[in-house]
Amino acid sequence: MSGPSDLLRLCPIYRETPLFEVVIDGLSVLVKDESQRMGLGSFKALGGIYAVARLLEAATGITLSAPQDLDRLRAAAGAQAFVCASAGNHGLAVATGARLFGARATVVLADPVPEGFAHRLRDRGATVLRRGATYEDSVAAAIDLAEETGAIHLADSSWPGYTEPPRLVMEGYSVLAAEMQARFETSGDWPDVVYLQAGVGGLAGAVARDIRANWAVQPRIIVVEPEAAACLKQSAAEGAIVTAGGPVSSMGRLDCKTPSMLAFDILRSAADRFVTVTDAQAEAAAGCLGDAGHATTPSGAAGLAALLADRTLGKRPLIILSEGAVA
């Protein structure tokens, strides 16, 4: 079987995202910019699209190893459906992957999710359902719908008894780390500290695992969460998964109260520190990136917020600008 990078290179919308250096508030910062990833505006595109492709390979028996395999997979995938809950970019990734590879997708939204996001999903061919007042309600509804219809439930978080689809999502995210590794191997200019923002922890876990396994020069890894949703930090302190309490955070993509089991298992040993940032700090960091010409959200700027809060951790910091201003 081909690796994640090889498979995604067969995807017609895959392009490597930029890695550049910018000076912010007197600091020279390496930035991996995911704001244009595969036309969806977020790193989430990697995970959802990759997982759809792998799950369709398993369902159809067709392996994607050459461009001509795409047409065979599309022809065989028409009867296959996916369902997921989403409060943001994961639903767009699953909808886009289903459309690219010839399948169907239903995305379940909680009532507070803006209707503009629902329109973006429909534009990518997804069926949109509204279920419940919270994200957790929409997840429960997606699980029920998958059981009722036989669709594949493709979540980006894991829990006991549910690991394979979210494992594939994280495997897709690892392409981001592989792209950076190739750049640093060429330049020799490795970072000495990497800031990874986390909601349930999929991005942070995938990138941290790839760094620890493959990078020739090992940086410190700092996991960054909202102060209002420090589920990984609390779980690391307890040595077991903890559901965090707290108010709603303006870092909406990171405002997750329970970590992914798979991500926690990686980060409890791969991360050097778990830190939190306030909404005000993240909003200010997003403003700094915007002033530098790189528009993002407080969620996308959380890594920079942690760096600006403590400038002593390294001389060559790297952050992930995880999404664009409208994502």
Protein backbone atom coordinates (compact mmCIF):
# COMPACT_ATOMS: atom_id res chain seq x y z
CA MET A 1 0.00 0.00 0.00
CA SER A 2 1.26 3.49 -0.84
CA GLY A 3 1.98 5.95 1.97
CA PRO A 4 -0.20 8.96 2.79
CA SER A 5 1.89 11.38 0.71
CA ASP A 6 1.86 9.06 -2.31
CA LEU A 7 -1.90 8.61 -2.17
CA LEU A 8 -2.69 12.29 -1.75
CA ARG A 9 -0.47 13.18 -4.70
CA LEU A 10 -2.95 11.24 -6.84
CA CYS A 11 -5.71 13.57 -5.65
CA PRO A 12 -6.31 16.24 -8.32
CA ILE A 13 -6.56 19.09 -5.78
CA TYR A 14 -3.48 18.24 -3.70
CA ARG A 15 -0.74 20.87 -3.50
CA GLU A 16 2.00 21.29 -0.91
CA THR A 17 1.37 24.31 1.32
CA PRO A 18 3.93 27.07 1.97
CA LEU A 19 6.53 27.11 4.71
CA PHE A 20 7.98 30.57 5.24
CA GLU A 21 9.57 32.86 7.77
CA VAL A 22 7.97 36.02 9.12
CA VAL A 23 8.94 38.55 11.78
CA ILE A 24 6.16 39.13 14.34
CA ASP A 25 6.59 41.43 17.32
CA GLY A 26 10.35 41.27 16.90
CA LEU A 27 10.45 37.46 16.68
CA SER A 28 11.52 35.47 13.63
CA VAL A 29 8.96 32.69 13.27
CA LEU A 30 8.70 29.74 10.87
CA VAL A 31 5.10 29.38 9.67
CA LYS A 32 3.52 26.37 7.99
CA ASP A 33 0.53 27.97 6.27
CA GLU A 34 -2.53 25.71 5.88
CA SER A 35 -4.91 28.55 5.00
CA GLN A 36 -5.23 27.45 1.36
CA ARG A 37 -4.95 23.68 1.79
CA MET A 38 -6.68 21.94 -1.14
CA GLY A 39 -9.02 24.89 -1.61
CA LEU A 40 -10.76 24.24 1.74
CA GLY A 41 -8.84 26.67 3.90
CA SER A 42 -7.65 24.29 6.60
CA PHE A 43 -5.33 21.38 7.40
CA LYS A 44 -8.51 19.33 7.94
CA ALA A 45 -8.65 18.76 4.19
CA LEU A 46 -5.74 16.33 4.45
CA GLY A 47 -7.40 14.07 6.99
CA GLY A 48 -10.95 13.88 5.69
CA ILE A 49 -10.06 13.44 2.03
CA TYR A 50 -7.35 10.88 2.78
CA ALA A 51 -9.60 8.86 5.10
CA VAL A 52 -12.41 8.79 2.52
CA ALA A 53 -9.98 7.45 -0.09
CA ARG A 54 -8.61 4.72 2.20
CA LEU A 55 -12.07 3.64 3.37
CA LEU A 56 -13.29 3.46 -0.22
CA GLU A 57 -10.27 1.34 -1.14
CA ALA A 58 -11.27 -1.08 1.61
CA ALA A 59 -14.94 -1.07 0.57
CA THR A 60 -14.33 -1.56 -3.17
CA GLY A 61 -11.11 -3.58 -3.27
CA ILE A 62 -9.56 -1.00 -5.61
CA THR A 63 -6.14 0.34 -4.64
CA LEU A 64 -5.17 3.87 -5.65
CA SER A 65 -1.64 3.51 -6.99
CA ALA A 66 -1.81 5.32 -10.34
CA PRO A 67 -3.92 8.13 -11.85
CA GLN A 68 -6.03 5.70 -13.88
CA ASP A 69 -7.18 4.04 -10.67
CA LEU A 70 -9.21 7.17 -9.81
CA ASP A 71 -11.79 6.49 -12.51
CA ARG A 72 -12.12 2.84 -11.44
CA LEU A 73 -12.65 3.87 -7.83
CA ARG A 74 -15.22 6.51 -8.74
CA ALA A 75 -17.17 4.01 -10.81
CA ALA A 76 -17.25 1.53 -7.94
CA ALA A 77 -17.94 3.97 -5.11
CA GLY A 78 -21.37 5.27 -6.08
CA ALA A 79 -23.25 3.09 -3.60
CA GLN A 80 -21.06 4.07 -0.66
CA ALA A 81 -22.09 6.82 1.74
CA PHE A 82 -20.31 8.60 4.59
CA VAL A 83 -21.74 10.42 7.56
CA CYS A 84 -20.04 12.70 10.06
CA ALA A 85 -20.80 15.42 12.54
CA SER A 86 -19.01 18.71 12.16
CA ALA A 87 -18.71 22.13 13.67
CA GLY A 88 -16.20 23.27 11.09
CA ASN A 89 -13.69 22.04 8.58
CA HIS A 90 -13.86 18.26 9.02
CA GLY A 91 -17.29 18.15 7.40
CA LEU A 92 -16.01 20.09 4.39
CA ALA A 93 -13.13 17.64 4.02
CA VAL A 94 -15.38 14.57 4.16
CA ALA A 95 -17.88 16.12 1.73
CA THR A 96 -15.08 17.06 -0.67
CA GLY A 97 -13.48 13.62 -0.44
CA ALA A 98 -16.78 11.88 -1.11
CA ARG A 99 -17.40 14.07 -4.14
CA LEU A 100 -13.86 13.60 -5.49
CA PHE A 101 -14.01 9.82 -5.23
CA GLY A 102 -17.59 9.22 -6.34
CA ALA A 103 -19.34 8.57 -3.03
CA ARG A 104 -22.01 10.46 -1.05
CA ALA A 105 -21.79 12.35 2.23
CA THR A 106 -24.19 13.50 4.93
CA VAL A 107 -22.94 16.03 7.46
CA VAL A 108 -24.81 16.49 10.74
CA LEU A 109 -24.72 19.97 12.29
CA ALA A 110 -25.85 21.19 15.66
CA ASP A 111 -28.41 23.99 15.58
CA PRO A 112 -25.97 26.84 16.43
CA VAL A 113 -23.65 26.17 13.46
CA PRO A 114 -24.03 29.10 11.00
CA GLU A 115 -26.17 28.51 7.95
CA GLY A 116 -23.34 29.86 5.79
CA PHE A 117 -21.34 26.77 6.67
CA ALA A 118 -24.28 24.57 5.71
CA HIS A 119 -24.33 26.28 2.29
CA ARG A 120 -20.62 25.54 1.83
CA LEU A 121 -21.29 21.86 2.55
CA ARG A 122 -24.18 21.71 0.09
CA ASP A 123 -22.00 23.37 -2.54
CA ARG A 124 -19.69 20.34 -2.18
CA GLY A 125 -22.53 17.91 -2.73
CA ALA A 126 -23.25 17.00 0.89
CA THR A 127 -26.65 16.44 2.45
CA VAL A 128 -26.92 18.56 5.60
CA LEU A 129 -28.98 17.61 8.65
CA ARG A 130 -29.55 19.66 11.81
CA ARG A 131 -29.57 17.65 15.03
CA GLY A 132 -29.33 18.92 18.59
CA ALA A 133 -28.13 21.95 20.47
CA THR A 134 -24.46 20.95 20.87
CA TYR A 135 -21.66 19.36 18.89
CA GLU A 136 -21.92 16.31 21.14
CA ASP A 137 -25.60 15.99 20.15
CA SER A 138 -24.67 16.04 16.47
CA VAL A 139 -22.02 13.33 17.00
CA ALA A 140 -24.60 11.08 18.68
CA ALA A 141 -27.00 11.69 15.80
CA ALA A 142 -24.31 10.88 13.22
CA ILE A 143 -23.56 7.58 14.97
CA ASP A 144 -27.26 6.69 14.98
CA LEU A 145 -27.65 7.62 11.31
CA ALA A 146 -24.68 5.49 10.28
CA GLU A 147 -26.14 2.51 12.13
CA GLU A 148 -29.56 3.03 10.57
CA THR A 149 -28.38 3.47 6.98
CA GLY A 150 -25.17 1.43 6.74
CA ALA A 151 -23.12 4.52 5.92
CA ILE A 152 -19.53 4.76 7.12
CA HIS A 153 -19.25 6.96 10.19
CA LEU A 154 -16.12 9.08 9.66
CA ALA A 155 -15.32 11.07 12.80
CA ASP A 156 -12.05 12.84 13.52
CA SER A 157 -11.98 11.82 17.18
CA SER A 158 -11.60 8.36 18.71
CA TRP A 159 -12.96 6.54 21.74
CA PRO A 160 -12.95 2.93 22.97
CA GLY A 161 -14.31 0.71 20.21
CA TYR A 162 -13.98 3.40 17.53
CA THR A 163 -10.45 3.96 16.25
CA GLU A 164 -9.90 3.06 12.58
CA PRO A 165 -11.55 6.00 10.74
CA PRO A 166 -9.98 8.62 13.08
CA ARG A 167 -6.63 6.81 12.79
CA LEU A 168 -6.84 7.31 9.03
CA VAL A 169 -7.73 10.98 9.50
CA MET A 170 -4.61 11.46 11.61
CA GLU A 171 -2.54 9.55 9.05
CA GLY A 172 -3.64 12.11 6.48
CA TYR A 173 -2.57 14.97 8.75
CA SER A 174 0.93 13.46 8.92
CA VAL A 175 1.52 14.63 5.34
CA LEU A 176 1.88 18.14 6.75
CA ALA A 177 4.85 17.02 8.87
CA ALA A 178 6.35 15.09 5.96
CA GLU A 179 6.24 18.20 3.77
CA MET A 180 8.08 20.19 6.43
CA GLN A 181 10.63 17.44 6.96
CA ALA A 182 11.55 17.46 3.27
CA ARG A 183 12.07 21.23 3.37
CA PHE A 184 14.25 21.10 6.49
CA GLU A 185 16.34 18.23 5.12
CA THR A 186 17.14 20.43 2.12
CA SER A 187 17.78 23.65 4.05
CA GLY A 188 19.30 22.19 7.21
CA ASP A 189 17.48 24.95 9.10
CA TRP A 190 15.47 22.86 11.57
CA PRO A 191 13.24 24.42 14.23
CA ASP A 192 14.14 23.90 17.88
CA VAL A 193 10.58 24.25 19.20
CA VAL A 194 7.24 23.43 17.54
CA TYR A 195 3.87 24.73 18.75
CA LEU A 196 0.90 22.50 17.95
CA GLN A 197 -2.62 23.70 18.72
CA ALA A 198 -5.11 21.06 19.80
CA GLY A 199 -8.83 20.56 20.03
CA VAL A 200 -9.39 16.81 20.37
CA GLY A 201 -5.70 16.55 19.43
CA GLY A 202 -5.73 14.98 15.97
CA LEU A 203 -3.40 17.49 14.31
CA ALA A 204 -1.07 17.70 17.30
CA GLY A 205 -0.92 13.93 17.70
CA ALA A 206 -0.29 13.24 14.02
CA VAL A 207 2.45 15.85 13.64
CA ALA A 208 4.10 15.00 16.95
CA ARG A 209 4.19 11.31 16.10
CA ASP A 210 5.75 12.01 12.70
CA ILE A 211 8.32 14.38 14.19
CA ARG A 212 9.40 11.86 16.83
CA ALA A 213 9.61 9.02 14.30
CA ASN A 214 11.22 10.75 11.33
CA TRP A 215 12.83 14.14 11.92
CA ALA A 216 16.64 14.09 12.05
CA VAL A 217 16.73 17.03 14.46
CA GLN A 218 14.33 16.76 17.37
CA PRO A 219 12.59 19.95 18.57
CA ARG A 220 10.68 20.54 21.77
CA ILE A 221 6.97 20.01 21.16
CA ILE A 222 4.49 22.31 22.89
CA VAL A 223 0.78 21.44 22.77
CA VAL A 224 -1.46 24.53 22.92
CA GLU A 225 -5.10 24.53 24.05
CA PRO A 226 -7.69 27.15 24.97
CA GLU A 227 -7.74 27.96 28.65
CA ALA A 228 -11.45 27.11 28.50
CA ALA A 229 -10.85 23.62 27.05
CA ALA A 230 -7.60 22.22 28.44
CA CYS A 231 -8.63 18.58 28.07
CA LEU A 232 -5.22 17.27 26.97
CA LYS A 233 -3.31 19.19 29.61
CA GLN A 234 -5.65 17.92 32.31
CA SER A 235 -5.54 14.39 30.92
CA ALA A 236 -1.73 14.42 30.88
CA ALA A 237 -1.69 15.56 34.51
CA GLU A 238 -4.12 12.80 35.53
CA GLY A 239 -2.57 10.08 33.35
CA ALA A 240 -5.98 9.26 31.88
CA ILE A 241 -8.55 10.91 29.63
CA VAL A 242 -10.36 13.74 31.38
CA THR A 243 -13.32 15.78 30.17
CA ALA A 244 -12.54 19.42 30.87
CA GLY A 245 -15.03 21.96 32.09
CA GLY A 246 -15.08 25.56 30.99
CA PRO A 247 -17.01 28.25 29.14
CA VAL A 248 -17.32 28.51 25.37
CA SER A 249 -14.07 29.72 23.79
CA SER A 250 -13.67 32.04 20.80
CA MET A 251 -11.20 29.43 19.54
CA GLY A 252 -14.14 27.48 18.17
CA ARG A 253 -12.13 24.85 16.31
CA LEU A 254 -10.17 24.09 19.50
CA ASP A 255 -13.05 24.31 21.97
CA CYS A 256 -13.19 20.57 22.63
CA LYS A 257 -13.69 19.27 26.15
CA THR A 258 -12.71 15.59 25.66
CA PRO A 259 -9.55 14.50 23.83
CA SER A 260 -9.24 11.84 21.17
CA MET A 261 -8.03 8.60 22.72
CA LEU A 262 -5.52 8.03 19.90
CA ALA A 263 -4.15 11.56 20.12
CA PHE A 264 -3.80 11.43 23.89
CA ASP A 265 -1.91 8.14 23.72
CA ILE A 266 0.65 9.79 21.42
CA LEU A 267 0.92 13.17 23.08
CA ARG A 268 1.29 11.95 26.64
CA SER A 269 4.81 10.80 25.68
CA ALA A 270 5.66 12.82 22.55
CA ALA A 271 4.89 16.31 23.91
CA ASP A 272 7.30 18.21 26.14
CA ARG A 273 4.73 20.62 27.54
CA PHE A 274 1.01 21.33 27.52
CA VAL A 275 0.10 25.01 27.75
CA THR A 276 -3.05 27.09 27.54
CA VAL A 277 -3.82 30.47 26.03
CA THR A 278 -6.70 32.82 26.69
CA ASP A 279 -9.19 33.95 24.08
CA ALA A 280 -7.70 37.45 24.29
CA GLN A 281 -4.19 36.13 23.63
CA ALA A 282 -5.34 34.11 20.62
CA GLU A 283 -7.33 37.01 19.21
CA ALA A 284 -4.30 39.28 19.55
CA ALA A 285 -2.07 36.68 17.85
CA ALA A 286 -4.54 36.42 14.96
CA GLY A 287 -4.33 40.19 14.64
CA CYS A 288 -0.52 40.01 14.50
CA LEU A 289 -0.62 37.44 11.72
CA GLY A 290 -3.22 39.48 9.86
CA ASP A 291 -1.03 42.58 10.11
CA ALA A 292 1.80 40.50 8.63
CA GLY A 293 -0.42 39.59 5.68
CA HIS A 294 -1.52 36.13 6.83
CA ALA A 295 -5.16 36.25 7.86
CA THR A 296 -6.39 33.59 10.24
CA THR A 297 -8.69 32.95 13.20
CA PRO A 298 -7.91 32.74 16.91
CA SER A 299 -7.83 28.94 16.50
CA GLY A 300 -5.37 29.23 13.64
CA ALA A 301 -3.15 31.58 15.65
CA ALA A 302 -3.14 29.68 18.95
CA GLY A 303 0.43 28.46 18.45
CA LEU A 304 1.66 31.99 17.95
CA ALA A 305 -0.26 33.10 21.05
CA ALA A 306 1.65 30.56 23.13
CA LEU A 307 4.96 31.63 21.60
CA LEU A 308 4.31 35.31 22.31
CA ALA A 309 3.35 34.46 25.89
CA ASP A 310 6.69 32.75 26.53
CA ARG A 311 9.58 33.79 24.33
CA THR A 312 12.18 31.74 26.20
CA LEU A 313 11.48 28.26 24.85
CA GLY A 314 13.56 28.34 21.68
CA LYS A 315 15.52 30.37 19.17
CA ARG A 316 13.96 28.85 16.03
CA PRO A 317 10.20 28.48 16.67
CA LEU A 318 7.74 26.90 14.27
CA ILE A 319 3.97 27.42 14.34
CA ILE A 320 1.12 25.98 12.28
CA LEU A 321 -1.26 28.53 10.80
CA SER A 322 -3.98 25.90 10.74
CA GLU A 323 -6.76 27.74 8.91
CA GLY A 324 -7.59 30.85 6.99
CA ALA A 325 -9.71 33.74 8.22
CA VAL A 326 -12.88 32.18 6.82
CA ALA A 327 -12.63 28.43 7.26
